[in-house]
Structure formats: C-alpha cells, structure tokens
Amino acid sequence: MSNATQSQINITVGRGLLERGMLFTVSTLPCFLFLFINGTMLFTLRSKSVFCETSRYILLYNLLFADTVLMALSQLMYILAAFRIRLTYPVCGVLVMLINLTNEISPLTLVVMSLERYVAVCYPLRHATIITIRNTRMAICVVWTFSLLNILVQVLLLLNFAFEDLQSLQMTDHCSAIAMILGPISNLYSMAYTYFVFILASLAITSSYIGVMVAARSASTDKASAQKVCKTLLLHLVQLGLSLSSTIHNPMLIAISKVLNRLLLVRIQIVVYLCIIIFPRCLSALIYGIRDQTIRPLFICHLCCQLKLSVSYPVMPLISI
C-alpha cells in the first residue's frame, strides 16, 4: 500500500514538473521571438544614416529601446519567479526600479511622437525648423529626466520603510513590483503618478488626432498623408491603452487568485503575461516594420538574413571542410 501511494505521489510530482516545464516553454519562446524582432528593428534603425538623421525614427528608436529593455527585465523576473529564486530587497528594488523606469518611457515617448506627427501635418512649412535633431534629442532627455525623477521619489519613499525591523533582507516571496510596495504612501503615489501620466498622454494624443482630422479637411493639406497620420495616431492610442493595461496586471491576478486554484491561476497568469506585458512591447516594431515604406524593405531583409544565418550557422563548419 505504501509503495502504491509512493508511486502515485511520484506520478503526480512528475506531471507537475512536466506541466510547469511546458508552461515555462510556452511563455518563454514568444518572449525570445519578440526580443529577436525588436533587436532586428533596433539594428535596422541604425543601419542607415537617414534613420539617424530623421526625428521620427530617432523617437522610434528610443521607444523600441525602452520596450526591449522592459521586455528583457520582465522575462528575467518571470524566470526568477518560475524557478522560485528569492532575491534580497536591494537587488529586487533595483530590478523593479529599472522596470518602472522603462515602463514610463513608452507613454511619454508616444506623446512626443504624436506631437511630431501633428506638426508635420498641421504646420508642414515650419516642421523642419521646429522638429530638428537637436530639439528631438532634448525632448528625449526631458522624457528620461522626468521618468528618473519619478524613480527617485519612489526610492525615497522606499527608504522610509523600517528595514532594520526585518530579521533578514532576504525576501520571503519572489521579486515583483507588488512586493516592493512596502507602505500605503508608496502605493498611493504609484497609482497617482500612473493615472496622471496616462491621462496626460491620452489627452495629448487625442488632441493631436483631432487637430490632424481638422487639418485634413482643409484644401491645403495632403489628404493621403493626413489620413495616414490619423491611422498612426489611432495606433498610438491603442499602444497607450495596452501600456495602461499592464498596470492592472498584478491587481487583476490578486483578485483572480482569491477565487481560483493555484494550477488554473498559473495558466491564466501566463496568458495574461503574454497578452498584457510581452505582446504590447513588440507592437511598435511590427507596426512600423510593416507600415513604414522606408523601414519595411530593410527590416524584412535584416530579419530574413538573420534567420538564414541562425539556421545555416551550425552547418558552416561542414561546408568549410
């Protein structure tokens, strides 16, 4: 009887490990695929001088860079949680702050990109004097500085926590953004800042869209160009909405965990993680890689060449022999 019970336990454990491995693979492979796509797009945006000397492509590079770093850090946090690796509070704090920093770059960069498109349609004659390389780089510096100031405030609020009262700096749970909210003030500030940024970004992008729509009705405006910009701004609103949805990721999982068992919760968590955290970070590369006539040929060429090299690389030594 004891042998049968032991065998049943071994089968259950084996099934649990097998399912965990399958779930880990399902969640990891798409992330590496999206990282590969983003990396190819970043390489494409540095392959020609026209991309380095055009404001919209410089802004796109900044957006993609932040999204790619965020995707890589999010996957690292997921792997640590999947293997139940517990970090110390300082190390987890650094990872969470980096994730928060790159997460806040996206909506602010989308605002600047929307304003650049608005100026291009509504003030075409002044676009070259307003949207210069110098002004674009200054705008990017302002975006990063604003986000860094927010991180500095979060760090100061975090330092107010009485860490000396803890028996150890080793965390009792896996590292996450929720685990690093160690007080009601930090939680309140995080929510207030998030709502402020996304309301501001929504108003800016919506206003740009309305301005472009009004300009499209005038006789002096290129209708085709205005319609294309309108579609781009709508896509920016979708990107902004998906970025906002990532802020409800953890609260939604907490609510679901109260009514579902752990196994079903893990499955739902993976689906939500892919749809809310990972996929939106690859959306910019897919949008511009497919829609932009200047980027698309180079992007597809670099993507296909890298895929061919990765496939043919193992057989290269045999060919050389």
Protein backbone atom coordinates (compact mmCIF):
# COMPACT_ATOMS: atom_id res chain seq x y z
CA MET A 1 0.00 0.00 0.00
CA SER A 2 2.84 2.35 0.83
CA ASN A 3 4.58 1.53 -2.47
CA ALA A 4 1.38 2.32 -4.39
CA THR A 5 0.99 5.58 -2.53
CA GLN A 6 4.62 6.49 -3.20
CA SER A 7 4.20 5.68 -6.90
CA GLN A 8 1.10 7.87 -7.06
CA ILE A 9 3.00 10.73 -5.44
CA ASN A 10 5.87 10.32 -7.89
CA ILE A 11 3.46 10.37 -10.84
CA THR A 12 1.76 13.50 -9.51
CA VAL A 13 5.09 15.25 -8.97
CA GLY A 14 6.27 14.20 -12.42
CA ARG A 15 3.12 15.55 -14.03
CA GLY A 16 3.50 18.79 -12.09
CA LEU A 17 7.10 19.24 -13.24
CA LEU A 18 6.19 18.37 -16.83
CA GLU A 19 3.33 20.86 -16.89
CA ARG A 20 5.49 23.53 -15.29
CA GLY A 21 8.16 22.94 -17.91
CA MET A 22 5.61 23.14 -20.73
CA LEU A 23 4.10 26.35 -19.34
CA PHE A 24 7.56 27.84 -18.94
CA THR A 25 8.40 26.98 -22.56
CA VAL A 26 5.12 28.42 -23.85
CA SER A 27 5.77 31.71 -22.06
CA THR A 28 9.49 31.95 -22.82
CA LEU A 29 9.62 31.20 -26.55
CA PRO A 30 7.29 34.08 -27.59
CA CYS A 31 9.33 36.48 -25.47
CA PHE A 32 12.59 35.47 -27.15
CA LEU A 33 10.88 35.74 -30.55
CA PHE A 34 9.70 39.27 -29.77
CA LEU A 35 13.14 40.20 -28.42
CA PHE A 36 14.62 38.97 -31.70
CA ILE A 37 12.13 41.10 -33.69
CA ASN A 38 12.79 44.19 -31.58
CA GLY A 39 16.54 43.66 -31.78
CA THR A 40 16.33 43.39 -35.56
CA MET A 41 14.32 46.62 -35.71
CA LEU A 42 16.84 48.42 -33.48
CA PHE A 43 19.64 47.22 -35.75
CA THR A 44 17.66 48.39 -38.80
CA LEU A 45 17.22 51.87 -37.31
CA ARG A 46 20.99 52.17 -37.01
CA SER A 47 21.86 50.68 -40.40
CA LYS A 48 21.21 53.80 -42.48
CA SER A 49 22.09 57.45 -41.89
CA VAL A 50 18.57 58.54 -42.84
CA PHE A 51 17.20 56.83 -39.73
CA CYS A 52 19.78 58.54 -37.51
CA GLU A 53 19.03 61.95 -39.00
CA THR A 54 15.21 61.85 -39.00
CA SER A 55 13.35 62.86 -35.84
CA ARG A 56 10.53 60.33 -36.06
CA TYR A 57 12.98 57.43 -36.41
CA ILE A 58 15.09 58.71 -33.51
CA LEU A 59 11.95 58.78 -31.37
CA LEU A 60 11.01 55.30 -32.58
CA TYR A 61 14.44 54.01 -31.62
CA ASN A 62 14.01 55.45 -28.12
CA LEU A 63 10.58 53.81 -27.81
CA LEU A 64 11.85 50.44 -29.03
CA PHE A 65 14.91 50.56 -26.81
CA ALA A 66 12.77 51.14 -23.69
CA ASP A 67 10.28 48.44 -24.71
CA THR A 68 13.05 45.92 -25.41
CA VAL A 69 14.78 46.54 -22.07
CA LEU A 70 11.41 46.27 -20.30
CA MET A 71 10.63 43.01 -22.08
CA ALA A 72 14.01 41.52 -21.15
CA LEU A 73 13.72 42.57 -17.50
CA SER A 74 10.13 41.30 -17.28
CA GLN A 75 11.20 37.93 -18.65
CA LEU A 76 14.08 37.81 -16.18
CA MET A 77 11.65 38.46 -13.32
CA TYR A 78 9.33 35.77 -14.68
CA ILE A 79 12.16 33.21 -14.86
CA LEU A 80 13.20 34.02 -11.29
CA ALA A 81 9.60 33.54 -10.12
CA ALA A 82 9.17 30.32 -12.15
CA PHE A 83 12.26 28.75 -10.57
CA ARG A 84 11.27 30.19 -7.16
CA ILE A 85 14.52 32.11 -6.77
CA ARG A 86 14.23 34.61 -3.95
CA LEU A 87 16.27 37.78 -4.05
CA THR A 88 17.23 40.29 -1.41
CA TYR A 89 15.26 43.51 -1.10
CA PRO A 90 18.07 45.73 -2.53
CA VAL A 91 18.54 43.56 -5.64
CA CYS A 92 14.80 43.27 -6.21
CA GLY A 93 14.44 47.01 -5.68
CA VAL A 94 16.98 47.74 -8.43
CA LEU A 95 15.20 45.42 -10.89
CA VAL A 96 11.77 46.86 -10.09
CA MET A 97 13.00 50.45 -10.44
CA LEU A 98 14.55 49.67 -13.82
CA ILE A 99 11.29 48.11 -14.95
CA ASN A 100 9.32 51.12 -13.72
CA LEU A 101 11.72 53.47 -15.50
CA THR A 102 11.47 51.78 -18.89
CA ASN A 103 7.72 51.28 -18.47
CA GLU A 104 7.20 55.03 -18.06
CA ILE A 105 9.31 55.91 -21.11
CA SER A 106 6.79 54.40 -23.54
CA PRO A 107 3.73 56.63 -22.93
CA LEU A 108 5.85 59.79 -22.76
CA THR A 109 7.65 58.92 -26.00
CA LEU A 110 4.30 58.20 -27.67
CA VAL A 111 3.22 61.72 -26.71
CA VAL A 112 6.31 63.26 -28.33
CA MET A 113 5.84 61.09 -31.45
CA SER A 114 2.21 62.17 -31.72
CA LEU A 115 3.13 65.85 -31.41
CA GLU A 116 5.77 65.41 -34.11
CA ARG A 117 3.16 63.96 -36.49
CA TYR A 118 0.76 66.78 -35.59
CA VAL A 119 3.35 69.41 -36.51
CA ALA A 120 4.19 67.56 -39.74
CA VAL A 121 0.56 67.75 -40.94
CA CYS A 122 -0.70 71.00 -39.43
CA TYR A 123 2.49 73.07 -39.84
CA PRO A 124 4.36 71.45 -42.75
CA LEU A 125 6.28 74.62 -43.63
CA ARG A 126 7.58 75.02 -40.07
CA HIS A 127 8.17 71.33 -39.41
CA ALA A 128 11.85 71.45 -40.41
CA THR A 129 12.53 74.37 -38.07
CA ILE A 130 10.52 73.07 -35.10
CA ILE A 131 11.32 69.35 -35.27
CA THR A 132 15.09 69.42 -35.51
CA ILE A 133 17.55 66.74 -34.43
CA ARG A 134 18.65 68.92 -31.52
CA ASN A 135 15.08 69.51 -30.33
CA THR A 136 14.30 65.81 -30.68
CA ARG A 137 17.26 64.82 -28.54
CA MET A 138 16.28 67.45 -25.98
CA ALA A 139 12.75 66.02 -25.88
CA ILE A 140 14.16 62.53 -25.30
CA CYS A 141 16.35 63.87 -22.49
CA VAL A 142 13.29 65.51 -20.91
CA VAL A 143 11.37 62.22 -21.11
CA TRP A 144 14.17 60.28 -19.41
CA THR A 145 14.76 63.02 -16.81
CA PHE A 146 11.06 63.16 -15.92
CA SER A 147 10.96 59.37 -15.53
CA LEU A 148 14.17 59.36 -13.47
CA LEU A 149 12.72 61.96 -11.10
CA ASN A 150 9.74 59.70 -10.53
CA ILE A 151 12.08 56.79 -9.76
CA LEU A 152 13.99 59.00 -7.34
CA VAL A 153 10.77 59.79 -5.48
CA GLN A 154 9.92 56.07 -5.32
CA VAL A 155 13.38 55.31 -3.92
CA LEU A 156 12.99 57.99 -1.25
CA LEU A 157 9.60 56.58 -0.25
CA LEU A 158 11.12 53.10 -0.16
CA LEU A 159 13.92 54.23 2.15
CA ASN A 160 11.33 55.34 4.71
CA PHE A 161 10.48 51.69 5.32
CA ALA A 162 11.93 50.29 8.53
CA PHE A 163 14.22 47.64 7.04
CA GLU A 164 16.07 47.35 10.35
CA ASP A 165 12.98 45.71 11.85
CA LEU A 166 13.29 42.81 9.41
CA GLN A 167 15.10 39.69 10.56
CA SER A 168 16.77 39.40 7.15
CA LEU A 169 16.91 41.32 3.88
CA GLN A 170 16.14 38.05 2.10
CA MET A 171 12.64 38.21 0.59
CA THR A 172 10.07 35.64 1.69
CA ASP A 173 8.39 35.67 -1.74
CA HIS A 174 9.52 36.09 -5.35
CA CYS A 175 10.53 39.53 -6.56
CA SER A 176 7.73 41.66 -8.02
CA ALA A 177 6.53 45.24 -8.17
CA ILE A 178 3.87 44.49 -5.55
CA ALA A 179 6.47 43.05 -3.19
CA MET A 180 8.37 46.34 -3.30
CA ILE A 181 5.36 48.47 -2.36
CA LEU A 182 6.15 48.47 1.34
CA GLY A 183 3.73 51.11 2.53
CA PRO A 184 0.40 52.80 1.75
CA ILE A 185 2.13 56.04 0.74
CA SER A 186 4.20 54.27 -1.92
CA ASN A 187 1.10 52.57 -3.27
CA LEU A 188 -0.86 55.82 -3.35
CA TYR A 189 1.96 57.70 -5.07
CA SER A 190 2.45 54.94 -7.67
CA MET A 191 -1.25 54.92 -8.56
CA ALA A 192 -1.49 58.73 -8.68
CA TYR A 193 1.57 59.05 -10.93
CA THR A 194 0.37 56.32 -13.29
CA TYR A 195 -3.07 57.86 -13.69
CA PHE A 196 -1.56 61.32 -14.18
CA VAL A 197 0.82 60.17 -16.92
CA PHE A 198 -1.75 58.17 -18.83
CA ILE A 199 -4.47 60.84 -18.61
CA LEU A 200 -1.95 63.43 -19.82
CA ALA A 201 -0.77 61.14 -22.63
CA SER A 202 -4.33 60.30 -23.68
CA LEU A 203 -5.28 63.98 -23.86
CA ALA A 204 -2.15 64.84 -25.85
CA ILE A 205 -2.60 62.04 -28.40
CA THR A 206 -6.36 62.64 -28.70
CA SER A 207 -5.81 66.37 -29.21
CA SER A 208 -3.21 65.64 -31.89
CA TYR A 209 -5.66 63.29 -33.61
CA ILE A 210 -8.44 65.90 -33.57
CA GLY A 211 -6.05 68.56 -34.86
CA VAL A 212 -4.96 66.33 -37.74
CA MET A 213 -8.59 65.47 -38.57
CA VAL A 214 -9.47 69.16 -38.75
CA ALA A 215 -6.41 69.88 -40.88
CA ALA A 216 -7.31 67.02 -43.22
CA ARG A 217 -10.48 68.85 -44.25
CA SER A 218 -8.63 71.93 -45.44
CA ALA A 219 -7.77 72.24 -49.11
CA SER A 220 -4.07 72.96 -48.49
CA THR A 221 -3.42 69.66 -46.70
CA ASP A 222 -2.32 66.44 -48.35
CA LYS A 223 -5.34 64.19 -47.80
CA ALA A 224 -3.47 60.89 -48.11
CA SER A 225 -0.73 62.00 -45.72
CA ALA A 226 -3.27 63.29 -43.18
CA GLN A 227 -5.25 60.04 -43.29
CA LYS A 228 -2.08 58.02 -42.76
CA VAL A 229 -1.13 60.18 -39.77
CA CYS A 230 -4.63 59.72 -38.33
CA LYS A 231 -4.21 55.95 -38.50
CA THR A 232 -0.79 56.26 -36.86
CA LEU A 233 -2.23 58.32 -34.00
CA LEU A 234 -5.02 55.79 -33.51
CA LEU A 235 -2.38 53.07 -33.26
CA HIS A 236 -0.56 55.21 -30.69
CA LEU A 237 -3.79 55.32 -28.65
CA VAL A 238 -4.01 51.52 -28.86
CA GLN A 239 -0.38 51.24 -27.72
CA LEU A 240 -1.12 53.62 -24.86
CA GLY A 241 -4.14 51.55 -23.83
CA LEU A 242 -2.09 48.35 -23.87
CA SER A 243 0.61 50.05 -21.79
CA LEU A 244 -2.07 51.14 -19.32
CA SER A 245 -3.40 47.59 -19.18
CA SER A 246 -0.02 46.42 -17.87
CA THR A 247 -0.62 48.49 -14.71
CA ILE A 248 -3.67 46.34 -13.85
CA HIS A 249 -1.74 43.10 -14.34
CA ASN A 250 -0.85 42.49 -10.70
CA PRO A 251 -4.14 43.73 -9.12
CA MET A 252 -6.11 41.55 -11.56
CA LEU A 253 -4.06 38.46 -10.65
CA ILE A 254 -4.56 39.16 -6.95
CA ALA A 255 -8.33 39.32 -7.46
CA ILE A 256 -8.35 36.13 -9.56
CA SER A 257 -6.21 34.25 -7.02
CA LYS A 258 -8.98 34.59 -4.42
CA VAL A 259 -11.45 32.52 -6.46
CA LEU A 260 -9.31 30.06 -8.44
CA ASN A 261 -6.96 27.23 -7.51
CA ARG A 262 -3.22 27.68 -7.97
CA LEU A 263 -2.83 25.49 -11.09
CA LEU A 264 -5.55 27.30 -13.02
CA LEU A 265 -4.19 30.62 -11.77
CA VAL A 266 -0.73 29.81 -13.21
CA ARG A 267 -2.26 29.06 -16.61
CA ILE A 268 -4.24 32.29 -16.62
CA GLN A 269 -1.18 34.19 -15.41
CA ILE A 270 0.87 33.03 -18.40
CA VAL A 271 -1.84 34.07 -20.88
CA VAL A 272 -2.22 37.47 -19.22
CA TYR A 273 1.55 37.89 -19.07
CA LEU A 274 1.93 37.28 -22.80
CA CYS A 275 -1.04 39.43 -23.84
CA ILE A 276 -0.51 42.39 -21.49
CA ILE A 277 3.22 42.52 -20.74
CA ILE A 278 5.06 40.93 -23.68
CA PHE A 279 2.99 41.46 -26.84
CA PRO A 280 2.45 45.25 -26.48
CA ARG A 281 6.24 45.73 -26.28
CA CYS A 282 6.64 44.21 -29.74
CA LEU A 283 3.76 46.16 -31.26
CA SER A 284 5.86 49.20 -32.24
CA ALA A 285 8.33 47.08 -34.21
CA LEU A 286 5.50 45.27 -36.01
CA ILE A 287 3.57 48.48 -36.75
CA TYR A 288 6.49 50.41 -38.20
CA GLY A 289 8.16 47.36 -39.70
CA ILE A 290 5.06 46.65 -41.79
CA ARG A 291 3.52 50.10 -42.40
CA ASP A 292 6.55 52.34 -42.93
CA GLN A 293 7.65 52.18 -46.56
CA THR A 294 11.21 53.28 -45.71
CA ILE A 295 11.77 50.77 -42.91
CA ARG A 296 9.91 47.75 -44.29
CA PRO A 297 12.34 46.61 -47.02
CA LEU A 298 15.38 46.86 -44.75
CA PHE A 299 13.57 45.38 -41.76
CA ILE A 300 12.39 42.34 -43.74
CA CYS A 301 15.82 41.96 -45.32
CA HIS A 302 17.63 42.05 -41.97
CA LEU A 303 15.03 39.76 -40.39
CA CYS A 304 15.34 37.16 -43.15
CA CYS A 305 19.14 37.40 -43.26
CA GLN A 306 19.46 36.86 -39.52
CA LEU A 307 17.08 33.91 -39.67
CA LYS A 308 19.08 32.36 -42.51
CA LEU A 309 22.35 32.90 -40.64
CA SER A 310 20.95 31.35 -37.45
CA VAL A 311 19.75 28.30 -39.41
CA SER A 312 22.85 27.88 -41.58
CA TYR A 313 25.41 28.59 -38.84
CA PRO A 314 25.56 25.01 -37.45
CA VAL A 315 26.40 23.61 -40.89
CA MET A 316 29.07 26.17 -41.77
CA PRO A 317 31.98 24.06 -40.41
CA LEU A 318 30.87 21.15 -42.64
CA ILE A 319 30.84 23.42 -45.69
CA SER A 320 34.31 24.77 -44.94
CA ILE A 321 35.69 21.25 -44.69
